[in-house]
Structure formats: C-alpha cells, structure tokens
C-alpha cells in the first residue's frame, strides 16, 4: 500500500509520514524488541501501543532499506490521535541520520506518487 499523510506537528512544521513498503520493511529494534513501523517521518515513527509505554524514552536501532548502516539513538514516546498506536519522536538524532530518514521518506513519497499515477489516481500533497 502506498500512503502519504501530512500532519502539522507541535512545532508548527509539517511532517510527511509514509508507510513502509511491506516487501522491503524497516527493521526496528526498540528496547531490544523487534517492532513493526506503521509509518515514519523525519520527526519519528508510529508503532503499536502494546510494545512500549507512553511518556518514556527508549533506545532504538532502525535499519532503513535505503541506508547502508542502521541508525541508532533514542525516541520519546507519546500518545497519538489513534488509540491503538503510539508516536516515537526522535531525540537529538545526528544530522547524518536525520538525512538518511529524510531520504527514505522522499523515496517512499516518490514510490507512492508513481503508484497513484499508474492506477490513474491523483495525489494531494
């Protein structure tokens, strides 16, 4: 499924969230547990609510299909509008890692747009 969502964040900036390709998934270890990334943006990612606790900071390792090396650091977990998911916000992500996430999101956006065009749909970004 190709999906792009635009969400205004608390900082007033827009974050483009994309759904990972199920055929080429993001590998996420959060607090030493393998987890499924539901969507990702330059700000962070969403996961299922039953994995970690809201209001805490967790170590993560993130292996993006478009990156040579896994990214690692910390995320702060907060509630989302959807009661079944939690938002994990990157905490002090180094510049190179931030660029790697931006690159992945851009690649997925282009794939989603291509997919919409092939199906004859339109994209509103």
C-alpha atoms as a PDB file:
ATOM      1  CA  UNK A   1       0.000   0.000   0.000  1.00  0.00           C
ATOM      2  CA  UNK A   2       1.296   3.452  -0.860  1.00  0.00           C
ATOM      3  CA  UNK A   3       0.216   6.157   1.526  1.00  0.00           C
ATOM      4  CA  UNK A   4       1.355   9.675   2.328  1.00  0.00           C
ATOM      5  CA  UNK A   5      -0.025  11.678   5.229  1.00  0.00           C
ATOM      6  CA  UNK A   6       0.707  15.309   6.069  1.00  0.00           C
ATOM      7  CA  UNK A   7       0.464  16.199   9.734  1.00  0.00           C
ATOM      8  CA  UNK A   8       1.110  19.506  11.487  1.00  0.00           C
ATOM      9  CA  UNK A   9       3.413  18.873  14.426  1.00  0.00           C
ATOM     10  CA  UNK A  10       3.666  20.685  17.737  1.00  0.00           C
ATOM     11  CA  UNK A  11       6.496  22.768  16.295  1.00  0.00           C
ATOM     12  CA  UNK A  12       4.173  24.022  13.550  1.00  0.00           C
ATOM     13  CA  UNK A  13       6.169  22.221  10.854  1.00  0.00           C
ATOM     14  CA  UNK A  14       4.653  19.677   8.533  1.00  0.00           C
ATOM     15  CA  UNK A  15       5.856  16.090   8.709  1.00  0.00           C
ATOM     16  CA  UNK A  16       5.263  13.812   5.749  1.00  0.00           C
ATOM     17  CA  UNK A  17       4.508  10.362   7.086  1.00  0.00           C
ATOM     18  CA  UNK A  18       4.892   7.388   4.788  1.00  0.00           C
ATOM     19  CA  UNK A  19       4.013   3.737   5.225  1.00  0.00           C
ATOM     20  CA  UNK A  20       6.986   1.393   4.801  1.00  0.00           C
ATOM     21  CA  UNK A  21       6.945  -0.985   1.839  1.00  0.00           C
ATOM     22  CA  UNK A  22       5.753  -4.370   3.160  1.00  0.00           C
ATOM     23  CA  UNK A  23       8.049  -6.084   0.636  1.00  0.00           C
ATOM     24  CA  UNK A  24      11.077  -4.096   1.870  1.00  0.00           C
ATOM     25  CA  UNK A  25      10.303  -3.297   5.515  1.00  0.00           C
ATOM     26  CA  UNK A  26      12.085  -1.122   8.021  1.00  0.00           C
ATOM     27  CA  UNK A  27      13.756  -3.251  10.698  1.00  0.00           C
ATOM     28  CA  UNK A  28      13.228  -1.647  14.102  1.00  0.00           C
ATOM     29  CA  UNK A  29      14.545  -2.734  17.473  1.00  0.00           C
ATOM     30  CA  UNK A  30      13.009  -0.740  20.271  1.00  0.00           C
ATOM     31  CA  UNK A  31      14.132  -1.526  23.807  1.00  0.00           C
ATOM     32  CA  UNK A  32      15.727  -4.717  22.370  1.00  0.00           C
ATOM     33  CA  UNK A  33      12.395  -5.893  20.882  1.00  0.00           C
ATOM     34  CA  UNK A  34      11.745  -6.274  17.155  1.00  0.00           C
ATOM     35  CA  UNK A  35       8.842  -3.987  16.230  1.00  0.00           C
ATOM     36  CA  UNK A  36       6.817  -3.125  13.145  1.00  0.00           C
ATOM     37  CA  UNK A  37       6.977   0.502  11.977  1.00  0.00           C
ATOM     38  CA  UNK A  38       3.448   1.584  10.981  1.00  0.00           C
ATOM     39  CA  UNK A  39       4.582   4.878   9.419  1.00  0.00           C
ATOM     40  CA  UNK A  40       7.659   7.091   9.505  1.00  0.00           C
ATOM     41  CA  UNK A  41       8.556  10.750   9.040  1.00  0.00           C
ATOM     42  CA  UNK A  42      11.579  12.930   9.693  1.00  0.00           C
ATOM     43  CA  UNK A  43      10.119  13.563  13.175  1.00  0.00           C
ATOM     44  CA  UNK A  44       9.772   9.895  14.181  1.00  0.00           C
ATOM     45  CA  UNK A  45       7.588   6.845  13.630  1.00  0.00           C
ATOM     46  CA  UNK A  46       4.393   5.162  14.830  1.00  0.00           C
ATOM     47  CA  UNK A  47       4.196   1.744  16.436  1.00  0.00           C
ATOM     48  CA  UNK A  48       1.542  -0.436  18.037  1.00  0.00           C
ATOM     49  CA  UNK A  49       0.524   0.693  21.526  1.00  0.00           C
ATOM     50  CA  UNK A  50       1.210  -2.692  23.138  1.00  0.00           C
ATOM     51  CA  UNK A  51       5.005  -2.552  22.646  1.00  0.00           C
ATOM     52  CA  UNK A  52       6.203   0.282  24.903  1.00  0.00           C
ATOM     53  CA  UNK A  53       4.853   2.747  27.454  1.00  0.00           C
ATOM     54  CA  UNK A  54       3.781   6.307  26.749  1.00  0.00           C
ATOM     55  CA  UNK A  55       5.856   9.065  28.372  1.00  0.00           C
ATOM     56  CA  UNK A  56       9.171   7.184  28.368  1.00  0.00           C
ATOM     57  CA  UNK A  57      12.416   7.345  26.400  1.00  0.00           C
ATOM     58  CA  UNK A  58      13.702   4.215  24.658  1.00  0.00           C
ATOM     59  CA  UNK A  59      16.860   3.251  22.806  1.00  0.00           C
ATOM     60  CA  UNK A  60      16.280   2.221  19.197  1.00  0.00           C
ATOM     61  CA  UNK A  61      18.066   0.757  16.200  1.00  0.00           C
ATOM     62  CA  UNK A  62      16.483   1.419  12.812  1.00  0.00           C
ATOM     63  CA  UNK A  63      17.569  -0.295   9.602  1.00  0.00           C
ATOM     64  CA  UNK A  64      16.187   1.622   6.617  1.00  0.00           C
ATOM     65  CA  UNK A  65      16.158  -0.116   3.222  1.00  0.00           C
ATOM     66  CA  UNK A  66      17.788   2.974   1.670  1.00  0.00           C
ATOM     67  CA  UNK A  67      20.607   3.273   4.224  1.00  0.00           C
ATOM     68  CA  UNK A  68      23.886   1.359   4.346  1.00  0.00           C
ATOM     69  CA  UNK A  69      24.128   1.345   8.146  1.00  0.00           C
ATOM     70  CA  UNK A  70      21.468   1.114  10.874  1.00  0.00           C
ATOM     71  CA  UNK A  71      20.555   4.326  12.694  1.00  0.00           C
ATOM     72  CA  UNK A  72      20.509   4.333  16.463  1.00  0.00           C
ATOM     73  CA  UNK A  73      19.607   6.703  19.232  1.00  0.00           C
ATOM     74  CA  UNK A  74      16.656   7.466  21.458  1.00  0.00           C
ATOM     75  CA  UNK A  75      12.966   8.164  20.954  1.00  0.00           C
ATOM     76  CA  UNK A  76      10.461   9.808  23.263  1.00  0.00           C
ATOM     77  CA  UNK A  77       7.090   8.054  23.219  1.00  0.00           C
ATOM     78  CA  UNK A  78       3.814   9.988  23.273  1.00  0.00           C
ATOM     79  CA  UNK A  79       0.143   9.357  22.589  1.00  0.00           C
ATOM     80  CA  UNK A  80      -1.301   9.640  19.108  1.00  0.00           C
ATOM     81  CA  UNK A  81      -4.779  10.560  17.954  1.00  0.00           C
ATOM     82  CA  UNK A  82      -5.299   6.884  17.150  1.00  0.00           C
ATOM     83  CA  UNK A  83      -5.862   4.935  20.375  1.00  0.00           C
ATOM     84  CA  UNK A  84      -4.118   1.816  19.002  1.00  0.00           C
ATOM     85  CA  UNK A  85      -0.750   3.459  18.224  1.00  0.00           C
ATOM     86  CA  UNK A  86       1.979   5.479  19.900  1.00  0.00           C
ATOM     87  CA  UNK A  87       4.239   8.133  18.384  1.00  0.00           C
ATOM     88  CA  UNK A  88       8.004   7.773  18.804  1.00  0.00           C
ATOM     89  CA  UNK A  89       9.774  11.126  18.355  1.00  0.00           C
ATOM     90  CA  UNK A  90      13.484  11.094  17.536  1.00  0.00           C
ATOM     91  CA  UNK A  91      15.507  12.690  20.352  1.00  0.00           C
ATOM     92  CA  UNK A  92      18.623  14.563  19.202  1.00  0.00           C
ATOM     93  CA  UNK A  93      19.095  12.490  16.045  1.00  0.00           C
ATOM     94  CA  UNK A  94      22.523  13.235  14.481  1.00  0.00           C
ATOM     95  CA  UNK A  95      22.461  15.190  11.202  1.00  0.00           C
ATOM     96  CA  UNK A  96      23.601  12.266   9.032  1.00  0.00           C
ATOM     97  CA  UNK A  97      20.919  10.012  10.498  1.00  0.00           C
ATOM     98  CA  UNK A  98      18.285  12.709  10.035  1.00  0.00           C
ATOM     99  CA  UNK A  99      19.320  12.981   6.381  1.00  0.00           C
ATOM    100  CA  UNK A 100      19.003   9.198   5.999  1.00  0.00           C
ATOM    101  CA  UNK A 101      15.423   9.350   7.320  1.00  0.00           C
ATOM    102  CA  UNK A 102      14.607  12.317   5.032  1.00  0.00           C
ATOM    103  CA  UNK A 103      15.994  10.358   2.079  1.00  0.00           C
ATOM    104  CA  UNK A 104      13.907   7.270   2.917  1.00  0.00           C
ATOM    105  CA  UNK A 105      10.719   9.362   3.267  1.00  0.00           C
ATOM    106  CA  UNK A 106      11.412  11.072  -0.072  1.00  0.00           C
ATOM    107  CA  UNK A 107      11.974   7.726  -1.831  1.00  0.00           C
ATOM    108  CA  UNK A 108       8.689   6.352  -0.411  1.00  0.00           C
ATOM    109  CA  UNK A 109       6.832   9.549  -1.406  1.00  0.00           C
ATOM    110  CA  UNK A 110       8.051   9.156  -4.981  1.00  0.00           C
ATOM    111  CA  UNK A 111       7.019   5.483  -4.994  1.00  0.00           C
ATOM    112  CA  UNK A 112       3.551   6.399  -3.688  1.00  0.00           C
ATOM    113  CA  UNK A 113       3.108   9.100  -6.341  1.00  0.00           C
ATOM    114  CA  UNK A 114       4.261   6.701  -9.064  1.00  0.00           C
ATOM    115  CA  UNK A 115       1.803   4.095  -7.824  1.00  0.00           C
ATOM    116  CA  UNK A 116      -1.066   6.596  -7.834  1.00  0.00           C
ATOM    117  CA  UNK A 117      -0.249   7.672 -11.376  1.00  0.00           C
ATOM    118  CA  UNK A 118      -0.156   4.073 -12.588  1.00  0.00           C
ATOM    119  CA  UNK A 119      -3.584   3.442 -11.077  1.00  0.00           C
ATOM    120  CA  UNK A 120      -4.933   6.674 -12.565  1.00  0.00           C
ATOM    121  CA  UNK A 121      -5.401   8.337  -9.174  1.00  0.00           C
ATOM    122  CA  UNK A 122      -4.350  11.794  -8.134  1.00  0.00           C
ATOM    123  CA  UNK A 123      -2.166  12.846  -5.254  1.00  0.00           C
ATOM    124  CA  UNK A 124      -2.822  15.788  -2.989  1.00  0.00           C
ATOM    125  CA  UNK A 125       0.296  16.694  -1.030  1.00  0.00           C
END
